[in-house]
């Protein structure tokens, strides 16, 4: 009998430009675009191998899937899986590290350049006829900021944090960072403590994992430490930020702006306080989603399954 494989939320990964063909060659494979909580058990009951991106696998779910032997997370972060419950059942859990490093770093600077140059706003102003009606040969609708000489504070100096640091150095920025990573620190990065980072940075960019210690890392106290001219960028995890505190800081002028690719609840409510906050630009969790990045993710996800089936699993989460 062929190995039964179920992909529970495959649409965001492949959409209409990538194919699951490599996975379908490894077993009897069923691909679901999206799976609601009440659909997990009936859809995964017969599967030995399940792949998921955002579908939660809590203890009660895992314990209702007696055939489950392998759980592949199509992402780097594995907070959607109750790892102790999976270990207790002997279920192999894998992830896909490193696939989106350059794409996420690129999005950091897309947000930062938008905040400092306001390209989108000015393009819209031209489209609305404001340039055609201007008395001068140029105009701008707010301060324009040069990056050279500004200080970028990076919270978390893993792969993505280091990629962001490289780009910041290329822009002539001073780079400071705080990290628990034991990796090599580039010579153009100065390690500082958390308080120094928030007080000295003109831009704070978050690249740390979501843990009980980092939840609401950005709160009213830390926002109060930041310069009123500073920007906050978050392409990591939404709950790193106390969203109400950030909204209040933006609305009161205590922070110059924010670029966010993640929120605590996704998708957000229509009346989410940050979606309408002044100088706050929210994108729909797409930093990871360039075609190159998704292709790498898909390739490694399939390789993870193939390696498991040959008895040599790779990218196992310890």
Protein backbone atom coordinates (compact mmCIF):
# COMPACT_ATOMS: atom_id res chain seq x y z
CA UNK A 1 0.00 0.00 0.00
CA UNK A 2 1.26 3.47 -0.89
CA UNK A 3 2.15 5.92 1.85
CA UNK A 4 -0.79 8.22 2.53
CA UNK A 5 0.22 11.90 2.40
CA UNK A 6 -2.02 14.88 3.18
CA UNK A 7 -1.18 18.54 2.63
CA UNK A 8 -3.64 20.56 4.68
CA UNK A 9 -3.04 24.13 3.50
CA UNK A 10 -1.19 24.04 0.23
CA UNK A 11 -2.60 27.01 -1.64
CA UNK A 12 -0.49 29.82 -0.20
CA UNK A 13 2.68 27.89 -1.04
CA UNK A 14 2.04 26.84 -4.63
CA UNK A 15 -0.87 29.10 -5.72
CA UNK A 16 -1.00 28.92 -9.52
CA UNK A 17 2.70 29.03 -10.36
CA UNK A 18 4.24 26.01 -8.59
CA UNK A 19 3.43 22.29 -8.63
CA UNK A 20 3.22 19.53 -6.00
CA UNK A 21 4.37 17.00 -8.62
CA UNK A 22 7.49 16.02 -6.68
CA UNK A 23 5.44 15.14 -3.61
CA UNK A 24 2.80 13.19 -5.49
CA UNK A 25 5.52 10.85 -6.72
CA UNK A 26 6.28 9.82 -3.12
CA UNK A 27 2.88 8.41 -2.19
CA UNK A 28 -0.87 8.65 -2.43
CA UNK A 29 -1.09 12.40 -1.97
CA UNK A 30 -4.12 14.60 -1.30
CA UNK A 31 -3.67 18.37 -1.48
CA UNK A 32 -6.12 20.66 0.29
CA UNK A 33 -5.98 24.39 -0.36
CA UNK A 34 -7.19 25.26 3.16
CA UNK A 35 -8.30 23.28 6.20
CA UNK A 36 -10.47 24.51 9.06
CA UNK A 37 -9.92 23.20 12.58
CA UNK A 38 -12.91 20.85 12.42
CA UNK A 39 -11.62 19.35 9.16
CA UNK A 40 -8.16 18.33 10.42
CA UNK A 41 -9.11 14.94 11.86
CA UNK A 42 -11.22 13.64 8.94
CA UNK A 43 -8.68 14.84 6.38
CA UNK A 44 -5.57 13.55 8.19
CA UNK A 45 -6.98 10.40 9.84
CA UNK A 46 -5.59 7.95 7.29
CA UNK A 47 -2.33 9.76 6.57
CA UNK A 48 1.07 8.66 7.80
CA UNK A 49 2.58 11.91 6.51
CA UNK A 50 0.98 15.32 6.96
CA UNK A 51 2.30 18.67 5.75
CA UNK A 52 1.07 21.94 7.23
CA UNK A 53 1.98 25.60 7.25
CA UNK A 54 -0.49 27.34 9.59
CA UNK A 55 -2.88 24.54 10.59
CA UNK A 56 -2.41 23.98 14.33
CA UNK A 57 -1.40 20.58 15.67
CA UNK A 58 -2.20 20.66 19.36
CA UNK A 59 -1.96 17.68 21.71
CA UNK A 60 -5.63 16.77 21.39
CA UNK A 61 -5.35 16.77 17.60
CA UNK A 62 -2.15 14.72 17.51
CA UNK A 63 -3.62 12.13 19.87
CA UNK A 64 -6.58 11.59 17.53
CA UNK A 65 -4.34 10.66 14.60
CA UNK A 66 -3.06 7.12 15.32
CA UNK A 67 -1.57 6.68 11.83
CA UNK A 68 0.49 9.87 11.92
CA UNK A 69 4.24 9.22 11.76
CA UNK A 70 5.61 12.38 10.17
CA UNK A 71 4.57 16.01 10.44
CA UNK A 72 6.25 18.43 8.03
CA UNK A 73 5.97 22.14 8.76
CA UNK A 74 6.23 24.11 5.53
CA UNK A 75 7.89 27.03 7.30
CA UNK A 76 10.85 27.77 9.54
CA UNK A 77 8.92 28.53 12.73
CA UNK A 78 7.34 25.49 14.38
CA UNK A 79 5.16 27.13 17.04
CA UNK A 80 2.04 25.62 15.41
CA UNK A 81 3.05 22.13 16.64
CA UNK A 82 2.88 20.81 20.20
CA UNK A 83 6.37 19.32 20.10
CA UNK A 84 6.21 17.43 23.43
CA UNK A 85 3.01 15.73 22.28
CA UNK A 86 4.60 14.79 18.96
CA UNK A 87 7.71 13.41 20.70
CA UNK A 88 5.57 11.37 23.07
CA UNK A 89 4.02 9.69 20.03
CA UNK A 90 7.36 9.22 18.25
CA UNK A 91 6.26 11.50 15.41
CA UNK A 92 9.07 13.02 13.36
CA UNK A 93 8.64 16.79 12.97
CA UNK A 94 10.60 18.70 10.33
CA UNK A 95 10.75 22.31 9.17
CA UNK A 96 12.26 24.26 6.29
CA UNK A 97 15.02 26.60 7.47
CA UNK A 98 16.75 29.40 5.55
CA UNK A 99 14.47 29.39 2.49
CA UNK A 100 13.21 33.00 2.79
CA UNK A 101 16.24 34.83 4.20
CA UNK A 102 16.90 37.12 1.25
CA UNK A 103 13.23 37.74 0.49
CA UNK A 104 12.45 38.80 4.06
CA UNK A 105 15.53 41.04 4.22
CA UNK A 106 14.37 42.62 0.96
CA UNK A 107 10.95 43.30 2.50
CA UNK A 108 12.55 45.01 5.50
CA UNK A 109 14.09 47.54 3.16
CA UNK A 110 10.94 47.79 1.05
CA UNK A 111 9.17 48.98 4.19
CA UNK A 112 12.05 51.16 5.30
CA UNK A 113 12.45 52.84 1.92
CA UNK A 114 8.71 53.39 1.77
CA UNK A 115 8.81 55.09 5.18
CA UNK A 116 11.78 57.28 4.27
CA UNK A 117 10.99 58.09 0.61
CA UNK A 118 7.19 57.55 0.47
CA UNK A 119 7.42 56.31 -3.10
CA UNK A 120 3.92 54.87 -3.14
CA UNK A 121 2.32 57.98 -1.67
CA UNK A 122 4.06 60.28 -4.12
CA UNK A 123 3.24 58.04 -7.09
CA UNK A 124 -0.41 58.18 -6.01
CA UNK A 125 -0.17 61.96 -5.68
CA UNK A 126 1.07 62.19 -9.27
CA UNK A 127 -1.75 59.89 -10.39
CA UNK A 128 -4.21 62.21 -8.63
CA UNK A 129 -2.91 65.14 -10.68
CA UNK A 130 -1.02 66.97 -7.94
CA UNK A 131 2.20 67.21 -9.94
CA UNK A 132 0.38 68.46 -13.00
CA UNK A 133 -1.17 71.16 -10.83
CA UNK A 134 2.02 72.04 -8.93
CA UNK A 135 3.54 75.53 -9.35
CA UNK A 136 7.08 74.07 -9.24
CA UNK A 137 8.93 71.38 -11.13
CA UNK A 138 8.93 69.11 -8.05
CA UNK A 139 7.10 68.69 -4.76
CA UNK A 140 6.95 66.37 -1.76
CA UNK A 141 4.31 65.87 0.89
CA UNK A 142 6.44 65.16 3.94
CA UNK A 143 10.02 64.87 5.09
CA UNK A 144 12.32 62.65 3.00
CA UNK A 145 14.99 60.81 4.95
CA UNK A 146 18.41 59.59 3.85
CA UNK A 147 19.53 56.26 5.31
CA UNK A 148 23.26 56.94 5.26
CA UNK A 149 24.42 57.70 8.78
CA UNK A 150 21.26 56.48 10.50
CA UNK A 151 21.44 53.72 13.13
CA UNK A 152 19.64 50.44 12.50
CA UNK A 153 18.94 48.32 15.58
CA UNK A 154 18.42 44.62 14.86
CA UNK A 155 16.73 42.43 17.47
CA UNK A 156 17.86 38.90 16.66
CA UNK A 157 20.99 38.25 14.62
CA UNK A 158 20.17 34.95 12.98
CA UNK A 159 20.26 34.36 9.23
CA UNK A 160 17.69 37.04 8.42
CA UNK A 161 19.08 39.52 10.93
CA UNK A 162 22.55 39.17 9.41
CA UNK A 163 21.14 39.56 5.88
CA UNK A 164 19.43 42.79 6.97
CA UNK A 165 22.67 43.95 8.56
CA UNK A 166 24.52 43.43 5.25
CA UNK A 167 21.99 45.55 3.40
CA UNK A 168 22.10 48.24 6.07
CA UNK A 169 25.89 48.37 5.85
CA UNK A 170 25.63 48.74 2.07
CA UNK A 171 23.34 51.73 2.62
CA UNK A 172 25.94 53.30 4.90
CA UNK A 173 23.97 52.78 8.10
CA UNK A 174 25.46 52.15 11.50
CA UNK A 175 24.29 48.70 12.65
CA UNK A 176 23.74 47.72 16.28
CA UNK A 177 22.17 44.47 17.41
CA UNK A 178 21.11 42.37 20.34
CA UNK A 179 21.04 38.61 19.96
CA UNK A 180 21.10 35.24 21.69
CA UNK A 181 22.53 33.61 18.59
CA UNK A 182 25.99 32.10 18.86
CA UNK A 183 26.73 32.70 15.21
CA UNK A 184 29.53 34.85 13.89
CA UNK A 185 28.97 38.59 14.28
CA UNK A 186 30.06 40.68 11.25
CA UNK A 187 32.69 43.28 12.03
CA UNK A 188 30.33 46.10 10.99
CA UNK A 189 27.77 45.09 13.66
CA UNK A 190 28.09 46.38 17.21
CA UNK A 191 26.45 44.23 19.89
CA UNK A 192 24.62 46.23 22.54
CA UNK A 193 22.08 45.57 25.27
CA UNK A 194 18.35 45.94 24.66
CA UNK A 195 17.97 49.34 26.31
CA UNK A 196 20.87 50.84 24.35
CA UNK A 197 19.42 49.50 21.11
CA UNK A 198 16.01 51.07 21.65
CA UNK A 199 17.44 54.40 22.79
CA UNK A 200 20.00 54.80 20.01
CA UNK A 201 18.32 53.26 16.95
CA UNK A 202 16.69 55.36 14.26
CA UNK A 203 15.16 52.15 12.95
CA UNK A 204 14.36 49.00 14.95
CA UNK A 205 13.90 45.79 12.95
CA UNK A 206 12.64 42.61 14.63
CA UNK A 207 14.14 39.23 13.70
CA UNK A 208 13.78 37.13 16.85
CA UNK A 209 11.58 34.05 17.31
CA UNK A 210 8.28 34.23 19.15
CA UNK A 211 8.72 32.76 22.63
CA UNK A 212 7.09 33.47 26.01
CA UNK A 213 10.02 35.84 26.67
CA UNK A 214 9.67 37.78 23.41
CA UNK A 215 5.87 38.02 23.30
CA UNK A 216 5.00 41.77 23.47
CA UNK A 217 8.71 42.59 23.32
CA UNK A 218 7.63 45.91 21.81
CA UNK A 219 5.49 47.38 24.58
CA UNK A 220 4.73 50.86 25.88
CA UNK A 221 7.91 50.91 27.97
CA UNK A 222 10.22 50.11 25.05
CA UNK A 223 8.33 52.38 22.68
CA UNK A 224 8.87 55.20 25.17
CA UNK A 225 12.63 54.57 24.96
CA UNK A 226 12.65 55.11 21.18
CA UNK A 227 13.28 58.41 19.46
CA UNK A 228 10.08 60.13 18.28
CA UNK A 229 11.73 60.22 14.83
CA UNK A 230 12.34 56.46 14.80
CA UNK A 231 10.70 53.73 12.71
CA UNK A 232 9.73 50.18 13.72
CA UNK A 233 9.86 47.30 11.21
CA UNK A 234 8.38 43.89 11.99
CA UNK A 235 8.65 41.05 9.46
CA UNK A 236 9.02 38.34 12.11
CA UNK A 237 5.94 37.47 14.20
CA UNK A 238 2.96 39.67 15.01
CA UNK A 239 2.75 38.95 18.76
CA UNK A 240 6.24 40.39 19.24
CA UNK A 241 4.42 43.73 19.27
CA UNK A 242 1.83 45.02 21.73
CA UNK A 243 -0.37 46.35 18.95
CA UNK A 244 -2.44 48.69 21.09
CA UNK A 245 0.71 50.27 22.54
CA UNK A 246 2.14 50.75 19.04
CA UNK A 247 -1.11 52.26 17.80
CA UNK A 248 -1.13 54.74 20.67
CA UNK A 249 2.52 55.68 20.07
CA UNK A 250 1.83 56.36 16.38
CA UNK A 251 -1.35 58.31 17.03
CA UNK A 252 0.29 60.46 19.71
CA UNK A 253 3.36 61.22 17.58
CA UNK A 254 5.74 59.39 19.92
CA UNK A 255 6.95 57.25 17.01
CA UNK A 256 7.47 58.42 13.43
CA UNK A 257 6.20 55.34 11.64
CA UNK A 258 5.99 51.57 11.36
CA UNK A 259 6.23 48.97 8.60
CA UNK A 260 4.56 45.68 9.51
CA UNK A 261 4.28 42.50 7.47
CA UNK A 262 2.77 40.49 10.35
CA UNK A 263 0.01 40.99 12.91
CA UNK A 264 -1.04 39.02 15.97
CA UNK A 265 -4.20 37.79 14.23
CA UNK A 266 -4.10 37.11 10.50
CA UNK A 267 -6.11 38.19 8.65
CA UNK A 268 -6.94 41.13 10.94
CA UNK A 269 -10.34 42.54 11.78
CA UNK A 270 -11.51 45.29 9.44
CA UNK A 271 -11.28 47.84 12.27
CA UNK A 272 -7.80 46.81 13.44
CA UNK A 273 -6.20 49.81 15.16
CA UNK A 274 -2.93 49.59 13.24
CA UNK A 275 -4.48 49.32 9.77
CA UNK A 276 -5.69 52.89 10.07
CA UNK A 277 -2.92 54.30 12.26
CA UNK A 278 -0.98 57.31 10.93
CA UNK A 279 2.19 56.52 9.02
CA UNK A 280 1.71 52.80 9.62
CA UNK A 281 2.03 50.56 6.57
CA UNK A 282 0.76 46.99 6.91
CA UNK A 283 1.39 44.35 4.25
CA UNK A 284 -0.38 40.94 4.27
CA UNK A 285 2.39 38.63 5.53
CA UNK A 286 4.06 38.34 2.14
CA UNK A 287 7.76 38.89 2.90
CA UNK A 288 8.37 35.14 2.45
CA UNK A 289 6.30 34.83 -0.71
CA UNK A 290 8.54 35.68 -3.67
CA UNK A 291 8.39 32.91 -6.24
CA UNK A 292 12.07 32.09 -5.68
CA UNK A 293 11.50 31.75 -1.95
CA UNK A 294 8.40 29.58 -2.33
CA UNK A 295 10.15 27.35 -4.85
CA UNK A 296 12.98 26.75 -2.37
CA UNK A 297 10.48 26.02 0.38
CA UNK A 298 8.59 23.52 -1.78
CA UNK A 299 11.77 21.79 -2.91
CA UNK A 300 13.05 21.32 0.64
CA UNK A 301 9.62 20.25 1.93
CA UNK A 302 9.54 17.47 -0.70
CA UNK A 303 13.18 16.54 0.03
CA UNK A 304 12.31 16.32 3.73
CA UNK A 305 9.58 13.79 3.00
CA UNK A 306 11.80 11.81 0.60
CA UNK A 307 14.60 11.69 3.18
CA UNK A 308 12.20 10.48 5.85
CA UNK A 309 10.92 7.70 3.59
CA UNK A 310 14.48 6.46 3.02
CA UNK A 311 15.13 6.34 6.76
CA UNK A 312 17.41 9.38 6.87
CA UNK A 313 15.19 12.29 7.93
CA UNK A 314 16.62 15.78 7.52
CA UNK A 315 15.72 19.12 9.12
CA UNK A 316 14.27 17.33 12.14
CA UNK A 317 13.17 19.74 14.85
CA UNK A 318 14.78 18.77 18.14
